Amino acid sequence: MSKYVKNLVANHLRERLDNVNDALLVDMIGLSANKNNRLRALLRDKNIHVMVVKNSLAARATEGSPLSALFTGLEGTAAVCWGAEDIVSLAKEIAKLAKDDEYAPFKARGGIMDGERIDAAQVDRVSKWPSRQEQLSILLGQILSPGATLVGQLSSVGGALASQIKQKGEEEEIAN
């Protein structure tokens, strides 16, 4: 491939990976064409992009970007996955598909998260973290919990007082 063509491909890769800060490397070697298409369709439905690239071109395209550490020292064929809501959702989906026997040779090789390189074991650990939406619901529950407790305590006292007033009123009606 000529230097001009390599630069064109590297520029195209740079444009596609622009504004991508977190990504995972996966192994797709050994998948049949049909399984590969089904896998890519599943990932596309979850807004996850997959791209198989030549390591040297990817390294050239990501120079100076947060993804540059992803391709340094990389050997063998790998595909880059990015997208989803956040890196945790991406890791969850990749880990889930890696455990599926239908896509047997598919597995995570590592990735980059917040500028730090992570290995396959760390990808598996990240997949067990709560996703952004789960974290927000936990936080919201923690924020609302004291208020709900306070309302419950106030309404229970108010309910008891209202019950006593009603009981006194009924007693006075019976007495008259």
Protein backbone atom coordinates (compact mmCIF):
# COMPACT_ATOMS: atom_id res chain seq x y z
CA MET A 1 0.00 0.00 0.00
CA SER A 2 1.43 3.38 -0.96
CA LYS A 3 2.09 6.10 1.60
CA TYR A 4 -0.65 8.25 0.06
CA VAL A 5 -3.25 5.47 0.46
CA LYS A 6 -2.06 4.77 4.02
CA ASN A 7 -2.52 8.45 4.87
CA LEU A 8 -6.03 8.41 3.37
CA VAL A 9 -6.99 5.35 5.39
CA ALA A 10 -5.41 6.80 8.56
CA ASN A 11 -7.34 10.07 8.07
CA HIS A 12 -10.57 8.12 7.60
CA LEU A 13 -9.89 6.15 10.79
CA ARG A 14 -9.06 9.37 12.65
CA GLU A 15 -12.42 10.84 11.61
CA ARG A 16 -14.34 7.71 12.66
CA LEU A 17 -12.61 7.55 16.03
CA ASP A 18 -12.83 11.29 16.68
CA ASN A 19 -14.40 12.04 20.10
CA VAL A 20 -14.05 8.38 21.17
CA ASN A 21 -12.41 8.26 24.58
CA ASP A 22 -13.17 4.68 25.68
CA ALA A 23 -12.94 1.56 23.55
CA LEU A 24 -12.37 -2.16 23.82
CA LEU A 25 -10.29 -4.54 21.73
CA VAL A 26 -11.93 -7.85 20.86
CA ASP A 27 -10.87 -11.03 19.10
CA MET A 28 -13.11 -12.00 16.19
CA ILE A 29 -10.82 -14.48 14.45
CA GLY A 30 -12.49 -17.82 13.88
CA LEU A 31 -16.03 -16.53 13.50
CA SER A 32 -17.80 -17.70 10.38
CA ALA A 33 -19.20 -15.02 8.08
CA ASN A 34 -22.77 -15.69 9.24
CA LYS A 35 -21.87 -15.53 12.93
CA ASN A 36 -19.84 -12.39 12.30
CA ASN A 37 -22.82 -10.72 10.62
CA ARG A 38 -25.20 -11.77 13.43
CA LEU A 39 -22.73 -10.51 16.04
CA ARG A 40 -22.28 -7.17 14.29
CA ALA A 41 -26.07 -6.78 13.94
CA LEU A 42 -26.53 -7.45 17.68
CA LEU A 43 -23.89 -4.89 18.54
CA ARG A 44 -25.28 -2.35 16.05
CA ASP A 45 -28.72 -2.65 17.70
CA LYS A 46 -27.08 -1.61 20.98
CA ASN A 47 -25.32 1.34 19.30
CA ILE A 48 -21.92 -0.38 19.49
CA HIS A 49 -19.55 0.08 16.57
CA VAL A 50 -17.06 -2.60 15.51
CA MET A 51 -14.13 -2.05 13.20
CA VAL A 52 -11.30 -4.39 12.27
CA VAL A 53 -8.21 -2.34 11.48
CA LYS A 54 -4.57 -2.90 10.75
CA ASN A 55 -2.64 -2.19 13.95
CA SER A 56 -0.04 0.09 12.38
CA LEU A 57 -2.69 2.19 10.61
CA ALA A 58 -4.78 2.41 13.77
CA ALA A 59 -1.72 3.48 15.76
CA ARG A 60 -0.99 6.18 13.18
CA ALA A 61 -4.61 7.34 13.16
CA THR A 62 -4.92 7.59 16.94
CA GLU A 63 -1.64 9.39 17.63
CA GLY A 64 -2.26 12.18 20.11
CA SER A 65 -5.77 10.99 20.96
CA PRO A 66 -6.97 9.25 24.14
CA LEU A 67 -6.98 5.96 22.19
CA SER A 68 -3.26 6.05 21.32
CA ALA A 69 -2.31 3.72 24.20
CA LEU A 70 -4.76 1.13 22.87
CA PHE A 71 -2.59 0.25 19.88
CA THR A 72 0.92 0.57 21.29
CA GLY A 73 2.58 -2.82 21.38
CA LEU A 74 -0.52 -4.56 20.02
CA GLU A 75 0.18 -7.78 18.17
CA GLY A 76 -2.14 -9.92 16.10
CA THR A 77 -5.50 -9.12 14.64
CA ALA A 78 -7.98 -7.23 16.76
CA ALA A 79 -11.22 -5.36 16.30
CA VAL A 80 -12.05 -2.10 18.04
CA CYS A 81 -15.46 -1.72 19.73
CA TRP A 82 -16.81 1.59 20.94
CA GLY A 83 -20.16 3.19 21.59
CA ALA A 84 -23.02 2.25 23.88
CA GLU A 85 -24.05 4.59 26.69
CA ASP A 86 -20.71 4.33 28.51
CA ILE A 87 -17.71 2.04 28.92
CA VAL A 88 -19.51 -0.05 31.54
CA SER A 89 -22.44 -0.77 29.21
CA LEU A 90 -19.98 -1.59 26.44
CA ALA A 91 -18.03 -3.97 28.70
CA LYS A 92 -21.26 -5.62 29.91
CA GLU A 93 -22.38 -6.32 26.35
CA ILE A 94 -18.96 -7.60 25.21
CA ALA A 95 -18.63 -9.84 28.28
CA LYS A 96 -22.15 -11.20 27.78
CA LEU A 97 -21.49 -12.05 24.13
CA ALA A 98 -18.08 -13.55 24.97
CA LYS A 99 -19.81 -16.05 27.26
CA ASP A 100 -22.31 -17.02 24.55
CA ASP A 101 -21.25 -20.33 22.93
CA GLU A 102 -22.68 -19.23 19.59
CA TYR A 103 -19.89 -16.64 19.27
CA ALA A 104 -17.25 -18.94 20.84
CA PRO A 105 -13.97 -17.41 19.59
CA PHE A 106 -15.23 -13.87 20.30
CA LYS A 107 -13.61 -12.45 23.45
CA ALA A 108 -12.34 -9.22 24.94
CA ARG A 109 -8.59 -8.60 24.71
CA GLY A 110 -8.43 -5.34 26.62
CA GLY A 111 -9.24 -1.73 26.07
CA ILE A 112 -8.80 1.83 27.16
CA MET A 113 -10.84 3.57 29.86
CA ASP A 114 -10.23 7.18 30.89
CA GLY A 115 -6.88 7.15 29.10
CA GLU A 116 -5.68 4.08 31.01
CA ARG A 117 -5.08 0.76 29.31
CA ILE A 118 -7.00 -2.20 30.76
CA ASP A 119 -6.55 -5.93 30.14
CA ALA A 120 -9.16 -8.64 29.53
CA ALA A 121 -9.55 -9.42 33.25
CA GLN A 122 -10.17 -5.75 34.01
CA VAL A 123 -12.77 -5.60 31.21
CA ASP A 124 -14.56 -8.47 32.95
CA ARG A 125 -14.43 -6.60 36.29
CA VAL A 126 -15.72 -3.39 34.67
CA SER A 127 -18.63 -5.35 33.21
CA LYS A 128 -19.79 -6.09 36.75
CA TRP A 129 -19.98 -2.42 37.73
CA PRO A 130 -23.35 -0.66 37.72
CA SER A 131 -24.04 1.20 34.49
CA ARG A 132 -24.55 4.95 34.38
CA GLN A 133 -28.33 4.58 34.56
CA GLU A 134 -28.07 2.17 37.50
CA GLN A 135 -25.70 4.56 39.29
CA LEU A 136 -28.11 7.45 38.76
CA SER A 137 -31.03 5.42 40.16
CA ILE A 138 -28.95 4.43 43.21
CA LEU A 139 -27.97 8.08 43.74
CA LEU A 140 -31.57 9.25 43.33
CA GLY A 141 -32.72 6.66 45.87
CA GLN A 142 -30.11 7.87 48.33
CA ILE A 143 -31.12 11.49 47.80
CA LEU A 144 -34.84 10.79 48.19
CA SER A 145 -34.54 8.34 51.10
CA PRO A 146 -34.16 10.88 53.94
CA GLY A 147 -37.10 12.90 52.64
CA ALA A 148 -39.28 9.82 52.34
CA THR A 149 -38.35 8.79 55.87
CA LEU A 150 -39.17 12.25 57.19
CA VAL A 151 -42.52 12.32 55.41
CA GLY A 152 -43.32 8.87 56.78
CA GLN A 153 -42.48 9.95 60.32
CA LEU A 154 -44.46 13.18 60.07
CA SER A 155 -47.49 11.53 58.52
CA SER A 156 -47.50 8.73 61.12
CA VAL A 157 -47.55 11.26 63.98
CA GLY A 158 -50.16 13.35 62.16
CA GLY A 159 -52.21 10.22 61.47
CA ALA A 160 -52.08 9.21 65.13
CA LEU A 161 -53.14 12.73 66.20
CA ALA A 162 -56.00 12.77 63.69
CA SER A 163 -57.15 9.36 64.93
CA GLN A 164 -57.16 10.55 68.53
CA ILE A 165 -59.11 13.73 67.65
CA LYS A 166 -61.67 11.64 65.74
CA GLN A 167 -61.99 9.24 68.69
CA LYS A 168 -62.53 12.14 71.16
CA GLY A 169 -65.15 13.63 68.84
CA GLU A 170 -67.02 10.33 68.67
CA GLU A 171 -66.90 9.99 72.45
CA GLU A 172 -68.41 13.50 72.89
CA GLU A 173 -71.21 12.67 70.40
CA ILE A 174 -72.07 9.55 72.32
CA ALA A 175 -72.01 11.48 75.63
CA ASN A 176 -74.50 14.12 74.31
